[in-house]
Amino acid sequence: MHTEFLQSITIGHQLFRNVDGIAETYYTYDFKFHHWSHYINAAVQVEVLKGIKLDGGLNYGIQADAGRSCFIGTSIRF
């Protein structure tokens, strides 16, 4: 286990009824390895029921050693 600092900026906008687009940039600083990583993300969220959203997108690391991946997820508001 180790400590990392993370800061992000996210913007979102409704694309269609019940569909939102999201763009984000964030960076992390790993205190153990003294290493910065910078990422950009893009995602789409679809509200399938009131209070339930599905999302999917990609996470793109800008540096060569920063990871690149796709993701899917669910969020539920109670």
PDB file of N, CA and C in Angstrom:
ATOM      1  N   MET A   1       0.836  -1.170   0.000  1.00  0.00           N
ATOM      2  CA  MET A   1       0.000   0.000   0.000  1.00  0.00           C
ATOM      3  C   MET A   1       0.885   1.237   0.000  1.00  0.00           C
ATOM      4  N   HIS A   2       0.397   2.288  -0.674  1.00  0.00           N
ATOM      5  CA  HIS A   2       1.128   3.549  -0.700  1.00  0.00           C
ATOM      6  C   HIS A   2       0.149   4.682  -0.985  1.00  0.00           C
ATOM      7  N   THR A   3       0.633   5.894  -0.877  1.00  0.00           N
ATOM      8  CA  THR A   3      -0.198   7.079  -1.036  1.00  0.00           C
ATOM      9  C   THR A   3      -0.038   7.659  -2.431  1.00  0.00           C
ATOM     10  N   GLU A   4      -1.169   8.056  -3.037  1.00  0.00           N
ATOM     11  CA  GLU A   4      -1.167   8.758  -4.312  1.00  0.00           C
ATOM     12  C   GLU A   4      -2.055   9.991  -4.197  1.00  0.00           C
ATOM     13  N   PHE A   5      -1.705  11.014  -4.915  1.00  0.00           N
ATOM     14  CA  PHE A   5      -2.501  12.231  -5.018  1.00  0.00           C
ATOM     15  C   PHE A   5      -3.191  12.196  -6.378  1.00  0.00           C
ATOM     16  N   LEU A   6      -4.486  12.520  -6.428  1.00  0.00           N
ATOM     17  CA  LEU A   6      -5.230  12.529  -7.686  1.00  0.00           C
ATOM     18  C   LEU A   6      -6.022  13.823  -7.776  1.00  0.00           C
ATOM     19  N   GLN A   7      -5.985  14.468  -8.936  1.00  0.00           N
ATOM     20  CA  GLN A   7      -6.789  15.661  -9.181  1.00  0.00           C
ATOM     21  C   GLN A   7      -7.424  15.512 -10.553  1.00  0.00           C
ATOM     22  N   SER A   8      -8.722  15.849 -10.648  1.00  0.00           N
ATOM     23  CA  SER A   8      -9.408  15.683 -11.928  1.00  0.00           C
ATOM     24  C   SER A   8     -10.284  16.881 -12.248  1.00  0.00           C
ATOM     25  N   ILE A   9     -10.539  17.032 -13.541  1.00  0.00           N
ATOM     26  CA  ILE A   9     -11.497  18.017 -14.055  1.00  0.00           C
ATOM     27  C   ILE A   9     -12.408  17.261 -15.006  1.00  0.00           C
ATOM     28  N   THR A  10     -13.711  17.362 -14.783  1.00  0.00           N
ATOM     29  CA  THR A  10     -14.688  16.624 -15.587  1.00  0.00           C
ATOM     30  C   THR A  10     -15.757  17.572 -16.082  1.00  0.00           C
ATOM     31  N   ILE A  11     -16.140  17.392 -17.342  1.00  0.00           N
ATOM     32  CA  ILE A  11     -17.290  18.114 -17.886  1.00  0.00           C
ATOM     33  C   ILE A  11     -18.240  17.093 -18.495  1.00  0.00           C
ATOM     34  N   GLY A  12     -19.510  17.385 -18.431  1.00  0.00           N
ATOM     35  CA  GLY A  12     -20.519  16.509 -19.000  1.00  0.00           C
ATOM     36  C   GLY A  12     -21.580  17.332 -19.700  1.00  0.00           C
ATOM     37  N   HIS A  13     -22.240  16.697 -20.659  1.00  0.00           N
ATOM     38  CA  HIS A  13     -23.276  17.386 -21.414  1.00  0.00           C
ATOM     39  C   HIS A  13     -24.294  16.362 -21.913  1.00  0.00           C
ATOM     40  N   GLN A  14     -25.563  16.740 -21.865  1.00  0.00           N
ATOM     41  CA  GLN A  14     -26.600  15.855 -22.375  1.00  0.00           C
ATOM     42  C   GLN A  14     -26.512  15.797 -23.896  1.00  0.00           C
ATOM     43  N   LEU A  15     -26.401  14.581 -24.445  1.00  0.00           N
ATOM     44  CA  LEU A  15     -26.322  14.388 -25.888  1.00  0.00           C
ATOM     45  C   LEU A  15     -27.704  14.153 -26.495  1.00  0.00           C
ATOM     46  N   PHE A  16     -28.465  13.297 -25.849  1.00  0.00           N
ATOM     47  CA  PHE A  16     -29.835  12.972 -26.247  1.00  0.00           C
ATOM     48  C   PHE A  16     -30.633  12.775 -24.976  1.00  0.00           C
ATOM     49  N   ARG A  17     -31.909  12.498 -25.116  1.00  0.00           N
ATOM     50  CA  ARG A  17     -32.733  12.228 -23.935  1.00  0.00           C
ATOM     51  C   ARG A  17     -32.169  10.982 -23.243  1.00  0.00           C
ATOM     52  N   ASN A  18     -31.867  11.079 -21.968  1.00  0.00           N
ATOM     53  CA  ASN A  18     -31.322  10.004 -21.124  1.00  0.00           C
ATOM     54  C   ASN A  18     -29.908   9.571 -21.500  1.00  0.00           C
ATOM     55  N   VAL A  19     -29.192  10.335 -22.328  1.00  0.00           N
ATOM     56  CA  VAL A  19     -27.820   9.999 -22.713  1.00  0.00           C
ATOM     57  C   VAL A  19     -26.923  11.214 -22.476  1.00  0.00           C
ATOM     58  N   ASP A  20     -25.868  11.023 -21.682  1.00  0.00           N
ATOM     59  CA  ASP A  20     -24.911  12.088 -21.380  1.00  0.00           C
ATOM     60  C   ASP A  20     -23.526  11.703 -21.882  1.00  0.00           C
ATOM     61  N   GLY A  21     -22.770  12.677 -22.339  1.00  0.00           N
ATOM     62  CA  GLY A  21     -21.376  12.491 -22.700  1.00  0.00           C
ATOM     63  C   GLY A  21     -20.495  13.143 -21.655  1.00  0.00           C
ATOM     64  N   ILE A  22     -19.355  12.537 -21.369  1.00  0.00           N
ATOM     65  CA  ILE A  22     -18.456  13.032 -20.330  1.00  0.00           C
ATOM     66  C   ILE A  22     -17.029  13.058 -20.868  1.00  0.00           C
ATOM     67  N   ALA A  23     -16.306  14.132 -20.565  1.00  0.00           N
ATOM     68  CA  ALA A  23     -14.878  14.232 -20.867  1.00  0.00           C
ATOM     69  C   ALA A  23     -14.164  14.588 -19.571  1.00  0.00           C
ATOM     70  N   GLU A  24     -13.018  13.977 -19.345  1.00  0.00           N
ATOM     71  CA  GLU A  24     -12.296  14.186 -18.094  1.00  0.00           C
ATOM     72  C   GLU A  24     -10.801  14.149 -18.369  1.00  0.00           C
ATOM     73  N   THR A  25     -10.079  14.924 -17.616  1.00  0.00           N
ATOM     74  CA  THR A  25      -8.628  14.802 -17.566  1.00  0.00           C
ATOM     75  C   THR A  25      -8.252  14.706 -16.090  1.00  0.00           C
ATOM     76  N   TYR A  26      -7.292  13.846 -15.802  1.00  0.00           N
ATOM     77  CA  TYR A  26      -6.814  13.763 -14.418  1.00  0.00           C
ATOM     78  C   TYR A  26      -5.362  13.346 -14.401  1.00  0.00           C
ATOM     79  N   TYR A  27      -4.740  13.649 -13.288  1.00  0.00           N
ATOM     80  CA  TYR A  27      -3.359  13.205 -13.096  1.00  0.00           C
ATOM     81  C   TYR A  27      -3.210  12.628 -11.703  1.00  0.00           C
ATOM     82  N   THR A  28      -2.217  11.761 -11.570  1.00  0.00           N
ATOM     83  CA  THR A  28      -1.893  11.179 -10.278  1.00  0.00           C
ATOM     84  C   THR A  28      -0.414  11.391  -9.993  1.00  0.00           C
ATOM     85  N   TYR A  29      -0.109  11.487  -8.728  1.00  0.00           N
ATOM     86  CA  TYR A  29       1.290  11.514  -8.295  1.00  0.00           C
ATOM     87  C   TYR A  29       1.467  10.403  -7.273  1.00  0.00           C
ATOM     88  N   ASP A  30       2.363   9.484  -7.562  1.00  0.00           N
ATOM     89  CA  ASP A  30       2.670   8.358  -6.690  1.00  0.00           C
ATOM     90  C   ASP A  30       3.825   8.758  -5.773  1.00  0.00           C
ATOM     91  N   PHE A  31       3.539   8.911  -4.485  1.00  0.00           N
ATOM     92  CA  PHE A  31       4.552   9.348  -3.528  1.00  0.00           C
ATOM     93  C   PHE A  31       5.632   8.289  -3.297  1.00  0.00           C
ATOM     94  N   LYS A  32       5.297   7.022  -3.443  1.00  0.00           N
ATOM     95  CA  LYS A  32       6.267   5.962  -3.219  1.00  0.00           C
ATOM     96  C   LYS A  32       7.339   5.944  -4.316  1.00  0.00           C
ATOM     97  N   PHE A  33       6.903   6.091  -5.583  1.00  0.00           N
ATOM     98  CA  PHE A  33       7.835   6.018  -6.709  1.00  0.00           C
ATOM     99  C   PHE A  33       8.165   7.387  -7.309  1.00  0.00           C
ATOM    100  N   HIS A  34       7.604   8.456  -6.732  1.00  0.00           N
ATOM    101  CA  HIS A  34       7.839   9.825  -7.213  1.00  0.00           C
ATOM    102  C   HIS A  34       7.576   9.918  -8.719  1.00  0.00           C
ATOM    103  N   HIS A  35       6.353   9.535  -9.109  1.00  0.00           N
ATOM    104  CA  HIS A  35       6.015   9.426 -10.524  1.00  0.00           C
ATOM    105  C   HIS A  35       4.660  10.082 -10.817  1.00  0.00           C
ATOM    106  N   TRP A  36       4.620  10.899 -11.879  1.00  0.00           N
ATOM    107  CA  TRP A  36       3.396  11.525 -12.359  1.00  0.00           C
ATOM    108  C   TRP A  36       2.808  10.690 -13.492  1.00  0.00           C
ATOM    109  N   SER A  37       1.485  10.585 -13.549  1.00  0.00           N
ATOM    110  CA  SER A  37       0.777   9.976 -14.677  1.00  0.00           C
ATOM    111  C   SER A  37      -0.389  10.887 -15.037  1.00  0.00           C
ATOM    112  N   HIS A  38      -0.608  11.110 -16.329  1.00  0.00           N
ATOM    113  CA  HIS A  38      -1.665  11.994 -16.788  1.00  0.00           C
ATOM    114  C   HIS A  38      -2.572  11.218 -17.736  1.00  0.00           C
ATOM    115  N   TYR A  39      -3.888  11.394 -17.591  1.00  0.00           N
ATOM    116  CA  TYR A  39      -4.865  10.630 -18.351  1.00  0.00           C
ATOM    117  C   TYR A  39      -5.939  11.553 -18.927  1.00  0.00           C
ATOM    118  N   ILE A  40      -6.537  11.103 -20.028  1.00  0.00           N
ATOM    119  CA  ILE A  40      -7.769  11.708 -20.530  1.00  0.00           C
ATOM    120  C   ILE A  40      -8.793  10.585 -20.675  1.00  0.00           C
ATOM    121  N   ASN A  41     -10.038  10.902 -20.403  1.00  0.00           N
ATOM    122  CA  ASN A  41     -11.122   9.923 -20.448  1.00  0.00           C
ATOM    123  C   ASN A  41     -12.270  10.480 -21.274  1.00  0.00           C
ATOM    124  N   ALA A  42     -13.012   9.583 -21.872  1.00  0.00           N
ATOM    125  CA  ALA A  42     -14.269   9.925 -22.532  1.00  0.00           C
ATOM    126  C   ALA A  42     -15.250   8.805 -22.216  1.00  0.00           C
ATOM    127  N   ALA A  43     -16.497   9.165 -21.958  1.00  0.00           N
ATOM    128  CA  ALA A  43     -17.492   8.161 -21.592  1.00  0.00           C
ATOM    129  C   ALA A  43     -18.881   8.611 -22.024  1.00  0.00           C
ATOM    130  N   VAL A  44     -19.765   7.635 -22.100  1.00  0.00           N
ATOM    131  CA  VAL A  44     -21.182   7.873 -22.373  1.00  0.00           C
ATOM    132  C   VAL A  44     -21.965   7.222 -21.246  1.00  0.00           C
ATOM    133  N   GLN A  45     -22.951   7.955 -20.692  1.00  0.00           N
ATOM    134  CA  GLN A  45     -23.823   7.423 -19.650  1.00  0.00           C
ATOM    135  C   GLN A  45     -25.245   7.361 -20.197  1.00  0.00           C
ATOM    136  N   VAL A  46     -25.910   6.233 -19.942  1.00  0.00           N
ATOM    137  CA  VAL A  46     -27.293   6.048 -20.369  1.00  0.00           C
ATOM    138  C   VAL A  46     -28.135   5.764 -19.135  1.00  0.00           C
ATOM    139  N   GLU A  47     -29.176   6.568 -18.922  1.00  0.00           N
ATOM    140  CA  GLU A  47     -30.086   6.335 -17.805  1.00  0.00           C
ATOM    141  C   GLU A  47     -31.119   5.309 -18.248  1.00  0.00           C
ATOM    142  N   VAL A  48     -31.048   4.082 -17.693  1.00  0.00           N
ATOM    143  CA  VAL A  48     -31.954   3.012 -18.097  1.00  0.00           C
ATOM    144  C   VAL A  48     -33.241   3.011 -17.281  1.00  0.00           C
ATOM    145  N   LEU A  49     -33.173   3.404 -16.037  1.00  0.00           N
ATOM    146  CA  LEU A  49     -34.327   3.587 -15.159  1.00  0.00           C
ATOM    147  C   LEU A  49     -34.043   4.795 -14.290  1.00  0.00           C
ATOM    148  N   LYS A  50     -35.072   5.360 -13.683  1.00  0.00           N
ATOM    149  CA  LYS A  50     -34.842   6.517 -12.821  1.00  0.00           C
ATOM    150  C   LYS A  50     -33.877   6.132 -11.705  1.00  0.00           C
ATOM    151  N   GLY A  51     -32.738   6.811 -11.638  1.00  0.00           N
ATOM    152  CA  GLY A  51     -31.738   6.565 -10.612  1.00  0.00           C
ATOM    153  C   GLY A  51     -30.736   5.476 -10.951  1.00  0.00           C
ATOM    154  N   ILE A  52     -30.822   4.866 -12.144  1.00  0.00           N
ATOM    155  CA  ILE A  52     -29.873   3.825 -12.545  1.00  0.00           C
ATOM    156  C   ILE A  52     -29.265   4.198 -13.895  1.00  0.00           C
ATOM    157  N   LYS A  53     -27.931   4.295 -13.931  1.00  0.00           N
ATOM    158  CA  LYS A  53     -27.216   4.641 -15.153  1.00  0.00           C
ATOM    159  C   LYS A  53     -26.171   3.580 -15.477  1.00  0.00           C
ATOM    160  N   LEU A  54     -26.013   3.309 -16.769  1.00  0.00           N
ATOM    161  CA  LEU A  54     -24.928   2.478 -17.279  1.00  0.00           C
ATOM    162  C   LEU A  54     -23.953   3.396 -17.990  1.00  0.00           C
ATOM    163  N   ASP A  55     -22.675   3.102 -17.871  1.00  0.00           N
ATOM    164  CA  ASP A  55     -21.695   3.932 -18.571  1.00  0.00           C
ATOM    165  C   ASP A  55     -20.581   3.069 -19.146  1.00  0.00           C
ATOM    166  N   GLY A  56     -19.933   3.615 -20.134  1.00  0.00           N
ATOM    167  CA  GLY A  56     -18.806   2.950 -20.762  1.00  0.00           C
ATOM    168  C   GLY A  56     -17.942   3.984 -21.447  1.00  0.00           C
ATOM    169  N   GLY A  57     -16.663   3.690 -21.540  1.00  0.00           N
ATOM    170  CA  GLY A  57     -15.767   4.643 -22.174  1.00  0.00           C
ATOM    171  C   GLY A  57     -14.347   4.147 -22.212  1.00  0.00           C
ATOM    172  N   LEU A  58     -13.440   5.076 -22.421  1.00  0.00           N
ATOM    173  CA  LEU A  58     -12.035   4.717 -22.454  1.00  0.00           C
ATOM    174  C   LEU A  58     -11.213   5.661 -21.602  1.00  0.00           C
ATOM    175  N   ASN A  59     -10.159   5.101 -21.049  1.00  0.00           N
ATOM    176  CA  ASN A  59      -9.224   5.791 -20.172  1.00  0.00           C
ATOM    177  C   ASN A  59      -7.876   5.726 -20.877  1.00  0.00           C
ATOM    178  N   TYR A  60      -7.356   6.862 -21.314  1.00  0.00           N
ATOM    179  CA  TYR A  60      -6.162   6.897 -22.149  1.00  0.00           C
ATOM    180  C   TYR A  60      -5.029   7.599 -21.417  1.00  0.00           C
ATOM    181  N   GLY A  61      -3.978   6.856 -21.112  1.00  0.00           N
ATOM    182  CA  GLY A  61      -2.800   7.431 -20.474  1.00  0.00           C
ATOM    183  C   GLY A  61      -1.942   8.159 -21.487  1.00  0.00           C
ATOM    184  N   ILE A  62      -1.562   9.384 -21.194  1.00  0.00           N
ATOM    185  CA  ILE A  62      -0.806  10.200 -22.141  1.00  0.00           C
ATOM    186  C   ILE A  62       0.665   9.773 -22.210  1.00  0.00           C
ATOM    187  N   GLN A  63       1.290   9.470 -21.074  1.00  0.00           N
ATOM    188  CA  GLN A  63       2.678   9.001 -21.098  1.00  0.00           C
ATOM    189  C   GLN A  63       2.718   7.556 -21.600  1.00  0.00           C
ATOM    190  N   ALA A  64       3.860   7.162 -22.111  1.00  0.00           N
ATOM    191  CA  ALA A  64       4.014   5.798 -22.639  1.00  0.00           C
ATOM    192  C   ALA A  64       3.799   4.743 -21.554  1.00  0.00           C
ATOM    193  N   ASP A  65       4.178   5.041 -20.305  1.00  0.00           N
ATOM    194  CA  ASP A  65       4.028   4.050 -19.241  1.00  0.00           C
ATOM    195  C   ASP A  65       2.698   4.149 -18.494  1.00  0.00           C
ATOM    196  N   ALA A  66       1.859   5.122 -18.835  1.00  0.00           N
ATOM    197  CA  ALA A  66       0.528   5.235 -18.231  1.00  0.00           C
ATOM    198  C   ALA A  66      -0.401   4.274 -18.962  1.00  0.00           C
ATOM    199  N   GLY A  67      -1.278   3.615 -18.218  1.00  0.00           N
ATOM    200  CA  GLY A  67      -2.139   2.594 -18.796  1.00  0.00           C
ATOM    201  C   GLY A  67      -3.211   3.141 -19.726  1.00  0.00           C
ATOM    202  N   ARG A  68      -3.711   2.262 -20.569  1.00  0.00           N
ATOM    203  CA  ARG A  68      -4.826   2.561 -21.451  1.00  0.00           C
ATOM    204  C   ARG A  68      -5.825   1.426 -21.302  1.00  0.00           C
ATOM    205  N   SER A  69      -7.103   1.769 -21.110  1.00  0.00           N
ATOM    206  CA  SER A  69      -8.098   0.728 -20.909  1.00  0.00           C
ATOM    207  C   SER A  69      -9.491   1.227 -21.269  1.00  0.00           C
ATOM    208  N   CYS A  70     -10.377   0.288 -21.483  1.00  0.00           N
ATOM    209  CA  CYS A  70     -11.802   0.566 -21.658  1.00  0.00           C
ATOM    210  C   CYS A  70     -12.498   0.195 -20.357  1.00  0.00           C
ATOM    211  N   PHE A  71     -13.669   0.779 -20.110  1.00  0.00           N
ATOM    212  CA  PHE A  71     -14.389   0.459 -18.884  1.00  0.00           C
ATOM    213  C   PHE A  71     -15.891   0.491 -19.122  1.00  0.00           C
ATOM    214  N   ILE A  72     -16.603  -0.254 -18.294  1.00  0.00           N
ATOM    215  CA  ILE A  72     -18.054  -0.195 -18.229  1.00  0.00           C
ATOM    216  C   ILE A  72     -18.417  -0.131 -16.747  1.00  0.00           C
ATOM    217  N   GLY A  73     -19.572   0.433 -16.445  1.00  0.00           N
ATOM    218  CA  GLY A  73     -19.952   0.544 -15.050  1.00  0.00           C
ATOM    219  C   GLY A  73     -21.433   0.821 -14.870  1.00  0.00           C
ATOM    220  N   THR A  74     -21.847   0.807 -13.641  1.00  0.00           N
ATOM    221  CA  THR A  74     -23.232   1.063 -13.255  1.00  0.00           C
ATOM    222  C   THR A  74     -23.221   1.996 -12.052  1.00  0.00           C
ATOM    223  N   SER A  75     -24.145   2.922 -12.026  1.00  0.00           N
ATOM    224  CA  SER A  75     -24.314   3.752 -10.835  1.00  0.00           C
ATOM    225  C   SER A  75     -25.790   3.753 -10.451  1.00  0.00           C
ATOM    226  N   ILE A  76     -26.030   3.689  -9.158  1.00  0.00           N
ATOM    227  CA  ILE A  76     -27.396   3.631  -8.623  1.00  0.00           C
ATOM    228  C   ILE A  76     -27.545   4.716  -7.579  1.00  0.00           C
ATOM    229  N   ARG A  77     -28.571   5.529  -7.716  1.00  0.00           N
ATOM    230  CA  ARG A  77     -28.863   6.581  -6.734  1.00  0.00           C
ATOM    231  C   ARG A  77     -30.011   6.119  -5.866  1.00  0.00           C
ATOM    232  N   PHE A  78     -29.807   6.153  -4.531  1.00  0.00           N
ATOM    233  CA  PHE A  78     -30.849   5.740  -3.578  1.00  0.00           C
ATOM    234  C   PHE A  78     -31.565   6.941  -3.044  1.00  0.00           C
TER     235      PHE A  78
END
